[in-house]
PDB file of N, CA and C in Angstrom:
ATOM      1  N   MET A   1      68.646  67.986  94.261  1.00  0.00           N
ATOM      2  CA  MET A   1      67.785  67.222  95.140  1.00  0.00           C
ATOM      3  C   MET A   1      68.650  66.277  95.974  1.00  0.00           C
ATOM      4  N   VAL A   2      68.399  66.182  97.276  1.00  0.00           N
ATOM      5  CA  VAL A   2      69.219  65.391  98.187  1.00  0.00           C
ATOM      6  C   VAL A   2      69.152  63.904  97.865  1.00  0.00           C
ATOM      7  N   VAL A   3      67.960  63.385  97.632  1.00  0.00           N
ATOM      8  CA  VAL A   3      67.800  61.952  97.357  1.00  0.00           C
ATOM      9  C   VAL A   3      68.561  61.562  96.095  1.00  0.00           C
ATOM     10  N   ALA A   4      68.444  62.347  95.051  1.00  0.00           N
ATOM     11  CA  ALA A   4      69.143  62.045  93.801  1.00  0.00           C
ATOM     12  C   ALA A   4      70.650  62.062  94.020  1.00  0.00           C
ATOM     13  N   ALA A   5      71.141  63.004  94.816  1.00  0.00           N
ATOM     14  CA  ALA A   5      72.571  63.072  95.112  1.00  0.00           C
ATOM     15  C   ALA A   5      73.015  61.847  95.902  1.00  0.00           C
ATOM     16  N   GLU A   6      72.196  61.407  96.855  1.00  0.00           N
ATOM     17  CA  GLU A   6      72.529  60.220  97.641  1.00  0.00           C
ATOM     18  C   GLU A   6      72.563  58.971  96.770  1.00  0.00           C
ATOM     19  N   GLU A   7      71.672  58.891  95.803  1.00  0.00           N
ATOM     20  CA  GLU A   7      71.544  57.695  94.972  1.00  0.00           C
ATOM     21  C   GLU A   7      72.469  57.694  93.764  1.00  0.00           C
ATOM     22  N   LYS A   8      73.225  58.738  93.606  1.00  0.00           N
ATOM     23  CA  LYS A   8      74.077  58.895  92.425  1.00  0.00           C
ATOM     24  C   LYS A   8      75.010  57.697  92.215  1.00  0.00           C
ATOM     25  N   PHE A   9      75.580  57.170  93.284  1.00  0.00           N
ATOM     26  CA  PHE A   9      76.546  56.078  93.164  1.00  0.00           C
ATOM     27  C   PHE A   9      75.974  54.728  93.581  1.00  0.00           C
ATOM     28  N   ASP A  10      74.665  54.637  93.760  1.00  0.00           N
ATOM     29  CA  ASP A  10      74.061  53.396  94.249  1.00  0.00           C
ATOM     30  C   ASP A  10      74.386  52.186  93.388  1.00  0.00           C
ATOM     31  N   SER A  11      74.290  52.313  92.076  1.00  0.00           N
ATOM     32  CA  SER A  11      74.533  51.135  91.226  1.00  0.00           C
ATOM     33  C   SER A  11      75.981  50.669  91.345  1.00  0.00           C
ATOM     34  N   MET A  12      76.914  51.614  91.386  1.00  0.00           N
ATOM     35  CA  MET A  12      78.321  51.238  91.521  1.00  0.00           C
ATOM     36  C   MET A  12      78.586  50.619  92.904  1.00  0.00           C
ATOM     37  N   LEU A  13      78.046  51.235  93.952  1.00  0.00           N
ATOM     38  CA  LEU A  13      78.255  50.709  95.301  1.00  0.00           C
ATOM     39  C   LEU A  13      77.569  49.363  95.493  1.00  0.00           C
ATOM     40  N   LEU A  14      76.410  49.200  94.900  1.00  0.00           N
ATOM     41  CA  LEU A  14      75.718  47.915  94.988  1.00  0.00           C
ATOM     42  C   LEU A  14      76.534  46.826  94.311  1.00  0.00           C
ATOM     43  N   HIS A  15      77.111  47.146  93.164  1.00  0.00           N
ATOM     44  CA  HIS A  15      77.974  46.187  92.468  1.00  0.00           C
ATOM     45  C   HIS A  15      79.164  45.804  93.350  1.00  0.00           C
ATOM     46  N   ILE A  16      79.777  46.775  93.999  1.00  0.00           N
ATOM     47  CA  ILE A  16      80.909  46.495  94.905  1.00  0.00           C
ATOM     48  C   ILE A  16      80.429  45.644  96.078  1.00  0.00           C
ATOM     49  N   ALA A  17      79.293  46.008  96.680  1.00  0.00           N
ATOM     50  CA  ALA A  17      78.770  45.271  97.836  1.00  0.00           C
ATOM     51  C   ALA A  17      78.475  43.813  97.480  1.00  0.00           C
ATOM     52  N   GLN A  18      77.995  43.564  96.254  1.00  0.00           N
ATOM     53  CA  GLN A  18      77.663  42.205  95.839  1.00  0.00           C
ATOM     54  C   GLN A  18      78.900  41.334  95.681  1.00  0.00           C
ATOM     55  N   GLN A  19      80.065  41.945  95.619  1.00  0.00           N
ATOM     56  CA  GLN A  19      81.315  41.196  95.484  1.00  0.00           C
ATOM     57  C   GLN A  19      81.870  40.767  96.842  1.00  0.00           C
ATOM     58  N   HIS A  20      81.195  41.119  97.918  1.00  0.00           N
ATOM     59  CA  HIS A  20      81.662  40.830  99.268  1.00  0.00           C
ATOM     60  C   HIS A  20      80.708  39.899  99.994  1.00  0.00           C
ATOM     61  N   ASP A  21      81.244  39.185 100.961  1.00  0.00           N
ATOM     62  CA  ASP A  21      80.430  38.288 101.794  1.00  0.00           C
ATOM     63  C   ASP A  21      80.159  38.943 103.141  1.00  0.00           C
ATOM     64  N   GLY A  22      79.448  40.032 103.141  1.00  0.00           N
ATOM     65  CA  GLY A  22      79.110  40.688 104.397  1.00  0.00           C
ATOM     66  C   GLY A  22      79.604  42.115 104.446  1.00  0.00           C
ATOM     67  N   ILE A  23      79.211  42.779 105.516  1.00  0.00           N
ATOM     68  CA  ILE A  23      79.527  44.194 105.661  1.00  0.00           C
ATOM     69  C   ILE A  23      80.988  44.418 106.046  1.00  0.00           C
ATOM     70  N   GLN A  24      81.555  43.538 106.883  1.00  0.00           N
ATOM     71  CA  GLN A  24      82.942  43.726 107.324  1.00  0.00           C
ATOM     72  C   GLN A  24      83.921  43.713 106.142  1.00  0.00           C
ATOM     73  N   PRO A  25      83.833  42.746 105.228  1.00  0.00           N
ATOM     74  CA  PRO A  25      84.722  42.799 104.066  1.00  0.00           C
ATOM     75  C   PRO A  25      84.500  44.042 103.200  1.00  0.00           C
ATOM     76  N   LEU A  26      83.265  44.509 103.115  1.00  0.00           N
ATOM     77  CA  LEU A  26      82.981  45.732 102.370  1.00  0.00           C
ATOM     78  C   LEU A  26      83.669  46.928 103.029  1.00  0.00           C
ATOM     79  N   PHE A  27      83.560  47.022 104.348  1.00  0.00           N
ATOM     80  CA  PHE A  27      84.259  48.096 105.066  1.00  0.00           C
ATOM     81  C   PHE A  27      85.766  47.989 104.877  1.00  0.00           C
ATOM     82  N   ASP A  28      86.300  46.775 104.944  1.00  0.00           N
ATOM     83  CA  ASP A  28      87.746  46.583 104.747  1.00  0.00           C
ATOM     84  C   ASP A  28      88.169  47.093 103.377  1.00  0.00           C
ATOM     85  N   THR A  29      87.367  46.823 102.365  1.00  0.00           N
ATOM     86  CA  THR A  29      87.677  47.314 101.022  1.00  0.00           C
ATOM     87  C   THR A  29      87.669  48.840 100.986  1.00  0.00           C
ATOM     88  N   PHE A  30      86.639  49.440 101.564  1.00  0.00           N
ATOM     89  CA  PHE A  30      86.524  50.900 101.536  1.00  0.00           C
ATOM     90  C   PHE A  30      87.656  51.570 102.317  1.00  0.00           C
ATOM     91  N   PHE A  31      87.895  51.107 103.528  1.00  0.00           N
ATOM     92  CA  PHE A  31      88.947  51.728 104.329  1.00  0.00           C
ATOM     93  C   PHE A  31      90.338  51.408 103.780  1.00  0.00           C
ATOM     94  N   GLY A  32      90.480  50.251 103.142  1.00  0.00           N
ATOM     95  CA  GLY A  32      91.734  49.932 102.463  1.00  0.00           C
ATOM     96  C   GLY A  32      91.974  50.890 101.297  1.00  0.00           C
ATOM     97  N   PHE A  33      90.924  51.201 100.572  1.00  0.00           N
ATOM     98  CA  PHE A  33      91.023  52.183  99.485  1.00  0.00           C
ATOM     99  C   PHE A  33      91.492  53.533 100.040  1.00  0.00           C
ATOM    100  N   LEU A  34      90.867  53.962 101.137  1.00  0.00           N
ATOM    101  CA  LEU A  34      91.277  55.238 101.746  1.00  0.00           C
ATOM    102  C   LEU A  34      92.745  55.207 102.168  1.00  0.00           C
ATOM    103  N   ARG A  35      93.196  54.070 102.691  1.00  0.00           N
ATOM    104  CA  ARG A  35      94.593  53.938 103.117  1.00  0.00           C
ATOM    105  C   ARG A  35      95.545  53.992 101.930  1.00  0.00           C
ATOM    106  N   ARG A  36      95.199  53.284 100.852  1.00  0.00           N
ATOM    107  CA  ARG A  36      96.103  53.177  99.709  1.00  0.00           C
ATOM    108  C   ARG A  36      96.088  54.389  98.791  1.00  0.00           C
ATOM    109  N   LYS A  37      94.928  55.007  98.626  1.00  0.00           N
ATOM    110  CA  LYS A  37      94.777  56.021  97.577  1.00  0.00           C
ATOM    111  C   LYS A  37      94.571  57.444  98.088  1.00  0.00           C
ATOM    112  N   THR A  38      94.486  57.612  99.410  1.00  0.00           N
ATOM    113  CA  THR A  38      94.290  58.956  99.956  1.00  0.00           C
ATOM    114  C   THR A  38      95.188  59.161 101.169  1.00  0.00           C
ATOM    115  N   ASP A  39      95.160  60.361 101.690  1.00  0.00           N
ATOM    116  CA  ASP A  39      95.903  60.617 102.932  1.00  0.00           C
ATOM    117  C   ASP A  39      94.936  60.669 104.121  1.00  0.00           C
ATOM    118  N   PHE A  40      93.845  59.954 104.028  1.00  0.00           N
ATOM    119  CA  PHE A  40      92.819  59.966 105.067  1.00  0.00           C
ATOM    120  C   PHE A  40      93.407  59.661 106.442  1.00  0.00           C
ATOM    121  N   TYR A  41      94.303  58.682 106.519  1.00  0.00           N
ATOM    122  CA  TYR A  41      94.866  58.283 107.809  1.00  0.00           C
ATOM    123  C   TYR A  41      96.090  59.105 108.201  1.00  0.00           C
ATOM    124  N   THR A  42      96.846  59.527 107.235  1.00  0.00           N
ATOM    125  CA  THR A  42      98.113  60.203 107.541  1.00  0.00           C
ATOM    126  C   THR A  42      98.062  61.712 107.384  1.00  0.00           C
ATOM    127  N   GLY A  43      97.090  62.220 106.637  1.00  0.00           N
ATOM    128  CA  GLY A  43      97.024  63.658 106.386  1.00  0.00           C
ATOM    129  C   GLY A  43      96.364  64.421 107.510  1.00  0.00           C
ATOM    130  N   ALA A  44      95.657  63.763 108.342  1.00  0.00           N
ATOM    131  CA  ALA A  44      94.993  64.410 109.468  1.00  0.00           C
ATOM    132  C   ALA A  44      95.328  63.638 110.735  1.00  0.00           C
ATOM    133  N   GLN A  45      94.994  64.223 111.835  1.00  0.00           N
ATOM    134  CA  GLN A  45      95.213  63.498 113.085  1.00  0.00           C
ATOM    135  C   GLN A  45      94.235  62.331 113.154  1.00  0.00           C
ATOM    136  N   LYS A  46      94.655  61.294 113.863  1.00  0.00           N
ATOM    137  CA  LYS A  46      93.824  60.097 113.980  1.00  0.00           C
ATOM    138  C   LYS A  46      92.431  60.454 114.493  1.00  0.00           C
ATOM    139  N   SER A  47      92.362  61.336 115.465  1.00  0.00           N
ATOM    140  CA  SER A  47      91.063  61.686 116.042  1.00  0.00           C
ATOM    141  C   SER A  47      90.158  62.372 115.013  1.00  0.00           C
ATOM    142  N   GLN A  48      90.742  63.108 114.069  1.00  0.00           N
ATOM    143  CA  GLN A  48      89.937  63.759 113.039  1.00  0.00           C
ATOM    144  C   GLN A  48      89.346  62.719 112.086  1.00  0.00           C
ATOM    145  N   ALA A  49      90.129  61.727 111.708  1.00  0.00           N
ATOM    146  CA  ALA A  49      89.633  60.666 110.828  1.00  0.00           C
ATOM    147  C   ALA A  49      88.520  59.889 111.529  1.00  0.00           C
ATOM    148  N   GLU A  50      88.760  59.540 112.785  1.00  0.00           N
ATOM    149  CA  GLU A  50      87.739  58.820 113.552  1.00  0.00           C
ATOM    150  C   GLU A  50      86.477  59.661 113.702  1.00  0.00           C
ATOM    151  N   SER A  51      86.649  60.924 113.955  1.00  0.00           N
ATOM    152  CA  SER A  51      85.526  61.833 114.124  1.00  0.00           C
ATOM    153  C   SER A  51      84.687  61.918 112.847  1.00  0.00           C
ATOM    154  N   LEU A  52      85.345  61.977 111.701  1.00  0.00           N
ATOM    155  CA  LEU A  52      84.621  62.013 110.422  1.00  0.00           C
ATOM    156  C   LEU A  52      83.795  60.743 110.219  1.00  0.00           C
ATOM    157  N   VAL A  53      84.395  59.606 110.527  1.00  0.00           N
ATOM    158  CA  VAL A  53      83.696  58.325 110.361  1.00  0.00           C
ATOM    159  C   VAL A  53      82.501  58.252 111.303  1.00  0.00           C
ATOM    160  N   MET A  54      82.712  58.606 112.572  1.00  0.00           N
ATOM    161  CA  MET A  54      81.631  58.527 113.551  1.00  0.00           C
ATOM    162  C   MET A  54      80.526  59.540 113.255  1.00  0.00           C
ATOM    163  N   LYS A  55      80.893  60.717 112.760  1.00  0.00           N
ATOM    164  CA  LYS A  55      79.894  61.721 112.415  1.00  0.00           C
ATOM    165  C   LYS A  55      78.991  61.201 111.293  1.00  0.00           C
ATOM    166  N   ALA A  56      79.594  60.612 110.263  1.00  0.00           N
ATOM    167  CA  ALA A  56      78.809  60.055 109.152  1.00  0.00           C
ATOM    168  C   ALA A  56      77.948  58.889 109.642  1.00  0.00           C
ATOM    169  N   PHE A  57      78.524  58.024 110.484  1.00  0.00           N
ATOM    170  CA  PHE A  57      77.779  56.884 111.020  1.00  0.00           C
ATOM    171  C   PHE A  57      76.567  57.361 111.810  1.00  0.00           C
ATOM    172  N   LYS A  58      76.768  58.284 112.736  1.00  0.00           N
ATOM    173  CA  LYS A  58      75.669  58.769 113.576  1.00  0.00           C
ATOM    174  C   LYS A  58      74.602  59.489 112.745  1.00  0.00           C
ATOM    175  N   ASN A  59      75.035  60.245 111.759  1.00  0.00           N
ATOM    176  CA  ASN A  59      74.086  60.934 110.885  1.00  0.00           C
ATOM    177  C   ASN A  59      73.171  59.931 110.173  1.00  0.00           C
ATOM    178  N   HIS A  60      73.762  58.901 109.580  1.00  0.00           N
ATOM    179  CA  HIS A  60      72.963  57.924 108.836  1.00  0.00           C
ATOM    180  C   HIS A  60      72.176  57.006 109.761  1.00  0.00           C
ATOM    181  N   LEU A  61      72.683  56.769 110.959  1.00  0.00           N
ATOM    182  CA  LEU A  61      71.922  56.001 111.948  1.00  0.00           C
ATOM    183  C   LEU A  61      70.645  56.758 112.306  1.00  0.00           C
ATOM    184  N   ASN A  62      70.756  58.048 112.581  1.00  0.00           N
ATOM    185  CA  ASN A  62      69.579  58.858 112.911  1.00  0.00           C
ATOM    186  C   ASN A  62      68.580  58.885 111.765  1.00  0.00           C
ATOM    187  N   ILE A  63      69.068  59.037 110.550  1.00  0.00           N
ATOM    188  CA  ILE A  63      68.179  59.040 109.379  1.00  0.00           C
ATOM    189  C   ILE A  63      67.456  57.695 109.261  1.00  0.00           C
ATOM    190  N   ALA A  64      68.202  56.606 109.417  1.00  0.00           N
ATOM    191  CA  ALA A  64      67.619  55.264 109.302  1.00  0.00           C
ATOM    192  C   ALA A  64      66.554  55.038 110.372  1.00  0.00           C
ATOM    193  N   LEU A  65      66.818  55.473 111.605  1.00  0.00           N
ATOM    194  CA  LEU A  65      65.847  55.287 112.684  1.00  0.00           C
ATOM    195  C   LEU A  65      64.584  56.116 112.439  1.00  0.00           C
ATOM    196  N   LYS A  66      64.748  57.332 111.941  1.00  0.00           N
ATOM    197  CA  LYS A  66      63.585  58.167 111.637  1.00  0.00           C
ATOM    198  C   LYS A  66      62.770  57.569 110.496  1.00  0.00           C
ATOM    199  N   GLU A  67      63.455  57.064 109.459  1.00  0.00           N
ATOM    200  CA  GLU A  67      62.751  56.445 108.332  1.00  0.00           C
ATOM    201  C   GLU A  67      61.997  55.200 108.781  1.00  0.00           C
ATOM    202  N   LYS A  68      62.628  54.408 109.657  1.00  0.00           N
ATOM    203  CA  LYS A  68      61.983  53.193 110.151  1.00  0.00           C
ATOM    204  C   LYS A  68      60.737  53.550 110.963  1.00  0.00           C
ATOM    205  N   ALA A  69      60.860  54.552 111.848  1.00  0.00           N
ATOM    206  CA  ALA A  69      59.710  54.968 112.660  1.00  0.00           C
ATOM    207  C   ALA A  69      58.584  55.495 111.778  1.00  0.00           C
ATOM    208  N   ALA A  70      58.918  56.278 110.766  1.00  0.00           N
ATOM    209  CA  ALA A  70      57.900  56.816 109.857  1.00  0.00           C
ATOM    210  C   ALA A  70      57.220  55.689 109.092  1.00  0.00           C
ATOM    211  N   LYS A  71      57.994  54.693 108.644  1.00  0.00           N
ATOM    212  CA  LYS A  71      57.416  53.563 107.907  1.00  0.00           C
ATOM    213  C   LYS A  71      56.486  52.749 108.806  1.00  0.00           C
ATOM    214  N   GLU A  72      56.912  52.519 110.055  1.00  0.00           N
ATOM    215  CA  GLU A  72      56.060  51.763 110.970  1.00  0.00           C
ATOM    216  C   GLU A  72      54.766  52.519 111.257  1.00  0.00           C
ATOM    217  N   GLU A  73      54.847  53.829 111.370  1.00  0.00           N
ATOM    218  CA  GLU A  73      53.651  54.640 111.597  1.00  0.00           C
ATOM    219  C   GLU A  73      52.726  54.565 110.386  1.00  0.00           C
ATOM    220  N   THR A  74      53.293  54.643 109.191  1.00  0.00           N
ATOM    221  CA  THR A  74      52.511  54.560 107.967  1.00  0.00           C
ATOM    222  C   THR A  74      51.894  53.171 107.822  1.00  0.00           C
ATOM    223  N   ASP A  75      52.681  52.130 108.170  1.00  0.00           N
ATOM    224  CA  ASP A  75      52.184  50.761 108.048  1.00  0.00           C
ATOM    225  C   ASP A  75      50.955  50.514 108.919  1.00  0.00           C
ATOM    226  N   LYS A  76      50.856  51.220 110.038  1.00  0.00           N
ATOM    227  CA  LYS A  76      49.696  51.047 110.904  1.00  0.00           C
ATOM    228  C   LYS A  76      48.412  51.380 110.153  1.00  0.00           C
ATOM    229  N   PHE A  77      48.476  52.394 109.297  1.00  0.00           N
ATOM    230  CA  PHE A  77      47.291  52.849 108.599  1.00  0.00           C
ATOM    231  C   PHE A  77      47.106  52.168 107.246  1.00  0.00           C
ATOM    232  N   ASP A  78      48.160  51.549 106.735  1.00  0.00           N
ATOM    233  CA  ASP A  78      48.072  50.887 105.438  1.00  0.00           C
ATOM    234  C   ASP A  78      47.527  49.470 105.535  1.00  0.00           C
ATOM    235  N   LYS A  79      47.593  48.892 106.724  1.00  0.00           N
ATOM    236  CA  LYS A  79      47.128  47.523 106.879  1.00  0.00           C
ATOM    237  C   LYS A  79      45.607  47.496 106.840  1.00  0.00           C
ATOM    238  N   PRO A  80      45.046  46.529 106.139  1.00  0.00           N
ATOM    239  CA  PRO A  80      43.582  46.436 106.117  1.00  0.00           C
ATOM    240  C   PRO A  80      43.058  46.043 107.493  1.00  0.00           C
ATOM    241  N   MET A  81      41.880  46.504 107.775  1.00  0.00           N
ATOM    242  CA  MET A  81      41.248  46.161 109.048  1.00  0.00           C
ATOM    243  C   MET A  81      40.974  44.668 109.059  1.00  0.00           C
ATOM    244  N   PRO A  82      41.225  44.019 110.177  1.00  0.00           N
ATOM    245  CA  PRO A  82      40.927  42.586 110.234  1.00  0.00           C
ATOM    246  C   PRO A  82      39.427  42.358 110.091  1.00  0.00           C
ATOM    247  N   GLN A  83      39.097  41.348 109.343  1.00  0.00           N
ATOM    248  CA  GLN A  83      37.692  41.019 109.120  1.00  0.00           C
ATOM    249  C   GLN A  83      37.174  40.220 110.312  1.00  0.00           C
ATOM    250  N   ALA A  84      36.021  40.612 110.782  1.00  0.00           N
ATOM    251  CA  ALA A  84      35.395  39.873 111.875  1.00  0.00           C
ATOM    252  C   ALA A  84      34.882  38.545 111.334  1.00  0.00           C
ATOM    253  N   GLU A  85      35.004  37.535 112.145  1.00  0.00           N
ATOM    254  CA  GLU A  85      34.483  36.241 111.730  1.00  0.00           C
ATOM    255  C   GLU A  85      32.957  36.318 111.748  1.00  0.00           C
ATOM    256  N   PRO A  86      32.335  35.680 110.790  1.00  0.00           N
ATOM    257  CA  PRO A  86      30.874  35.733 110.765  1.00  0.00           C
ATOM    258  C   PRO A  86      30.297  35.067 112.016  1.00  0.00           C
ATOM    259  N   ALA A  87      29.247  35.663 112.526  1.00  0.00           N
ATOM    260  CA  ALA A  87      28.591  35.114 113.708  1.00  0.00           C
ATOM    261  C   ALA A  87      27.878  33.820 113.345  1.00  0.00           C
ATOM    262  N   THR A  88      27.871  32.910 114.263  1.00  0.00           N
ATOM    263  CA  THR A  88      27.148  31.660 114.047  1.00  0.00           C
ATOM    264  C   THR A  88      26.165  31.467 115.187  1.00  0.00           C
ATOM    265  N   ILE A  89      25.141  30.738 114.902  1.00  0.00           N
ATOM    266  CA  ILE A  89      24.153  30.407 115.921  1.00  0.00           C
ATOM    267  C   ILE A  89      24.286  28.922 116.177  1.00  0.00           C
ATOM    268  N   GLU A  90      24.488  28.617 117.420  1.00  0.00           N
ATOM    269  CA  GLU A  90      24.651  27.219 117.788  1.00  0.00           C
ATOM    270  C   GLU A  90      23.576  26.860 118.806  1.00  0.00           C
ATOM    271  N   GLU A  91      22.898  25.790 118.546  1.00  0.00           N
ATOM    272  CA  GLU A  91      21.851  25.368 119.468  1.00  0.00           C
ATOM    273  C   GLU A  91      22.491  24.643 120.633  1.00  0.00           C
ATOM    274  N   ILE A  92      22.109  25.039 121.791  1.00  0.00           N
ATOM    275  CA  ILE A  92      22.616  24.394 122.991  1.00  0.00           C
ATOM    276  C   ILE A  92      21.523  23.471 123.491  1.00  0.00           C
ATOM    277  N   THR A  93      21.863  22.217 123.630  1.00  0.00           N
ATOM    278  CA  THR A  93      20.882  21.237 124.084  1.00  0.00           C
ATOM    279  C   THR A  93      21.369  20.578 125.351  1.00  0.00           C
ATOM    280  N   THR A  94      20.512  19.859 125.956  1.00  0.00           N
ATOM    281  CA  THR A  94      20.879  19.136 127.170  1.00  0.00           C
ATOM    282  C   THR A  94      21.215  17.690 126.866  1.00  0.00           C
ATOM    283  N   ASP A  95      21.211  17.315 125.609  1.00  0.00           N
ATOM    284  CA  ASP A  95      21.543  15.940 125.228  1.00  0.00           C
ATOM    285  C   ASP A  95      22.952  15.607 125.704  1.00  0.00           C
ATOM    286  N   GLY A  96      23.062  14.535 126.424  1.00  0.00           N
ATOM    287  CA  GLY A  96      24.365  14.074 126.868  1.00  0.00           C
ATOM    288  C   GLY A  96      24.869  14.795 128.106  1.00  0.00           C
ATOM    289  N   ALA A  97      24.152  15.765 128.606  1.00  0.00           N
ATOM    290  CA  ALA A  97      24.583  16.483 129.798  1.00  0.00           C
ATOM    291  C   ALA A  97      24.109  15.730 131.026  1.00  0.00           C
ATOM    292  N   LYS A  98      24.903  15.798 132.082  1.00  0.00           N
ATOM    293  CA  LYS A  98      24.473  15.189 133.335  1.00  0.00           C
ATOM    294  C   LYS A  98      23.339  16.035 133.883  1.00  0.00           C
ATOM    295  N   SER A  99      22.393  15.355 134.330  1.00  0.00           N
ATOM    296  CA  SER A  99      21.223  16.072 134.814  1.00  0.00           C
ATOM    297  C   SER A  99      21.053  15.752 136.286  1.00  0.00           C
ATOM    298  N   GLU A 100      21.444  16.671 137.122  1.00  0.00           N
ATOM    299  CA  GLU A 100      21.255  16.514 138.561  1.00  0.00           C
ATOM    300  C   GLU A 100      20.346  17.638 139.020  1.00  0.00           C
ATOM    301  N   PRO A 101      19.411  17.311 139.844  1.00  0.00           N
ATOM    302  CA  PRO A 101      18.527  18.374 140.308  1.00  0.00           C
ATOM    303  C   PRO A 101      19.333  19.384 141.129  1.00  0.00           C
ATOM    304  N   ARG A 102      19.104  20.639 140.839  1.00  0.00           N
ATOM    305  CA  ARG A 102      19.791  21.706 141.571  1.00  0.00           C
ATOM    306  C   ARG A 102      18.747  22.506 142.330  1.00  0.00           C
ATOM    307  N   PRO A 103      19.021  22.786 143.532  1.00  0.00           N
ATOM    308  CA  PRO A 103      18.038  23.584 144.284  1.00  0.00           C
ATOM    309  C   PRO A 103      18.024  25.010 143.763  1.00  0.00           C
ATOM    310  N   TYR A 104      16.853  25.585 143.771  1.00  0.00           N
ATOM    311  CA  TYR A 104      16.735  26.983 143.354  1.00  0.00           C
ATOM    312  C   TYR A 104      17.261  27.858 144.488  1.00  0.00           C
ATOM    313  N   PRO A 105      17.938  28.904 144.148  1.00  0.00           N
ATOM    314  CA  PRO A 105      18.411  29.801 145.220  1.00  0.00           C
ATOM    315  C   PRO A 105      17.212  30.541 145.832  1.00  0.00           C
ATOM    316  N   ARG A 106      17.287  30.729 147.118  1.00  0.00           N
ATOM    317  CA  ARG A 106      16.216  31.446 147.806  1.00  0.00           C
ATOM    318  C   ARG A 106      16.533  32.930 147.823  1.00  0.00           C
ATOM    319  N   ALA A 107      15.517  33.686 147.633  1.00  0.00           N
ATOM    320  CA  ALA A 107      15.698  35.136 147.597  1.00  0.00           C
ATOM    321  C   ALA A 107      15.572  35.728 148.964  1.00  0.00           C
TER     322      ALA A 107
END
């Protein structure tokens, strides 16, 4: 299952993310790991490494935007209908109103 495969390392990655003050330090840790422990930068051409990063970024950006749009669409139907305010009857009086004779309009 795709979701289970994606979530396989969530607890470990969340623990790592909680050790950082923001996304930039987290990226620095990840890319530093690739530099120190793999040939990610030196085993392939620079453009191939960049291409891999951008491909993954664009893929997850598209997924995130689709998920957000689907959630917003679902939220439209999940929200309760606003309740109408109860109608009130208010007596309108002439007390305190200026009373000036007004001519009737002629037909």
